[in-house]
Protein backbone atom coordinates (compact mmCIF):
# COMPACT_ATOMS: atom_id res chain seq x y z
CA LEU A 1 -29.92 -37.39 31.46
CA TRP A 2 -33.12 -35.55 31.93
CA ILE A 3 -37.10 -35.78 31.31
CA ASN A 4 -38.68 -32.63 29.59
CA LEU A 5 -42.61 -32.87 30.26
CA ARG A 6 -44.41 -30.75 28.15
CA ASP A 7 -48.23 -30.55 27.70
CA LYS A 8 -48.00 -30.46 23.79
CA PRO A 9 -45.51 -31.91 21.36
CA PRO A 10 -42.60 -29.66 20.26
CA SER A 11 -42.85 -28.28 16.58
CA LEU A 12 -41.19 -29.44 13.82
CA LEU A 13 -38.84 -26.42 13.90
CA ALA A 14 -38.00 -26.96 17.52
CA GLU A 15 -36.71 -30.39 16.81
CA PHE A 16 -34.81 -29.62 13.63
CA CYS A 17 -31.31 -28.04 14.22
CA ASN A 18 -31.53 -27.69 17.89
CA ILE A 19 -27.99 -28.52 18.68
CA TYR A 20 -24.81 -26.88 17.43
CA GLU A 21 -23.38 -30.01 15.73
CA GLU A 22 -26.45 -30.48 13.43
CA ILE A 23 -26.20 -26.59 12.50
CA HIS A 24 -22.44 -26.89 11.63
CA ALA A 25 -23.17 -30.05 9.65
CA LEU A 26 -26.27 -28.36 7.75
CA ALA A 27 -24.04 -25.18 7.23
CA PHE A 28 -21.13 -27.08 5.82
CA GLY A 29 -23.39 -28.86 3.60
CA LEU A 30 -24.94 -25.95 1.98
CA ILE A 31 -21.34 -24.52 1.84
CA HIS A 32 -20.02 -27.39 0.04
CA SER A 33 -22.87 -27.71 -2.35
CA VAL A 34 -21.97 -24.35 -4.21
CA THR A 35 -17.82 -24.79 -3.75
CA ARG A 36 -17.45 -28.52 -4.53
CA LEU A 37 -18.51 -30.89 -7.04
CA LYS A 38 -19.39 -33.72 -4.95
CA PRO A 39 -19.71 -33.84 -1.25
CA LEU A 40 -17.03 -34.92 1.17
CA LYS A 41 -16.94 -38.89 1.72
CA TYR A 42 -17.50 -39.99 5.37
CA SER A 43 -13.84 -41.19 5.19
CA GLU A 44 -12.56 -37.83 3.75
CA ILE A 45 -13.48 -36.07 6.77
CA GLU A 46 -10.13 -36.88 8.70
CA THR A 47 -8.02 -35.42 5.87
CA ALA A 48 -10.17 -32.51 5.36
CA ASP A 49 -8.86 -28.92 6.14
CA LEU A 50 -11.24 -28.59 8.82
CA SER A 51 -10.83 -27.96 12.50
CA PRO A 52 -10.88 -31.06 14.82
CA GLU A 53 -14.14 -29.93 16.73
CA LEU A 54 -15.75 -29.46 12.90
CA GLN A 55 -14.40 -32.72 11.71
CA GLU A 56 -16.22 -34.30 15.05
CA ASP A 57 -19.42 -32.26 14.36
CA LEU A 58 -19.60 -33.28 10.56
CA ARG A 59 -18.63 -37.23 11.82
CA ALA A 60 -21.81 -37.15 14.36
CA GLU A 61 -24.12 -35.49 11.75
CA PHE A 62 -23.06 -36.46 8.74
CA HIS A 63 -26.53 -37.25 7.31
CA TYR A 64 -27.40 -33.30 7.83
CA TYR A 65 -24.25 -32.57 5.54
CA VAL A 66 -25.18 -34.83 2.95
CA GLY A 67 -28.95 -33.98 3.05
CA ALA A 68 -27.95 -30.30 2.84
CA PHE A 69 -25.54 -30.67 0.08
CA TRP A 70 -27.95 -32.69 -2.20
CA ALA A 71 -31.12 -30.68 -1.32
CA LEU A 72 -29.42 -27.31 -2.54
CA ARG A 73 -28.09 -28.99 -5.50
CA ILE A 74 -31.63 -30.37 -6.34
CA ALA A 75 -33.17 -27.11 -5.81
CA ILE A 76 -30.62 -25.33 -7.88
CA VAL A 77 -31.43 -27.71 -10.97
CA LEU A 78 -35.09 -27.38 -10.63
CA LEU A 79 -34.78 -23.53 -10.81
CA ILE A 80 -32.48 -23.98 -13.85
CA LEU A 81 -34.85 -26.28 -15.26
CA LEU A 82 -37.66 -24.09 -14.62
CA PHE A 83 -36.12 -21.01 -16.12
CA SER A 84 -34.24 -22.57 -19.08
CA GLY A 85 -36.14 -25.88 -19.46
CA SER A 86 -33.13 -27.56 -20.61
CA LEU A 87 -31.70 -30.40 -18.76
CA GLU A 88 -28.61 -30.60 -20.68
CA LEU A 89 -27.81 -26.86 -19.45
CA ALA A 90 -28.64 -27.88 -15.74
CA ALA A 91 -26.41 -30.66 -16.02
CA HIS A 92 -23.57 -28.88 -17.48
CA LEU A 93 -23.53 -25.79 -14.97
CA MET A 94 -23.78 -28.63 -12.04
CA GLY A 95 -20.82 -30.11 -13.81
CA TRP A 96 -22.60 -33.47 -14.26
CA CYS A 97 -21.78 -34.16 -17.76
């Protein structure tokens, strides 16, 4: 435990994903967003085909995993809507209907 005294507060970028557990969870959220239809549930982490270290990282920073998964999905849907104008096409391509 330590105290880090600074003359000005850290930037948002410096505070976001500044430890490897957060980076692993964010990266797997992005990867699973394009390779899986739905994100892993918290209870499915144990049975997922992942290393024990990665399973621990996902359990510790599960909110980064879910946030990255849905943020990329929403961005993709918005791009599809922007270029095609069809909500039905966006839902079909994302596997939602």
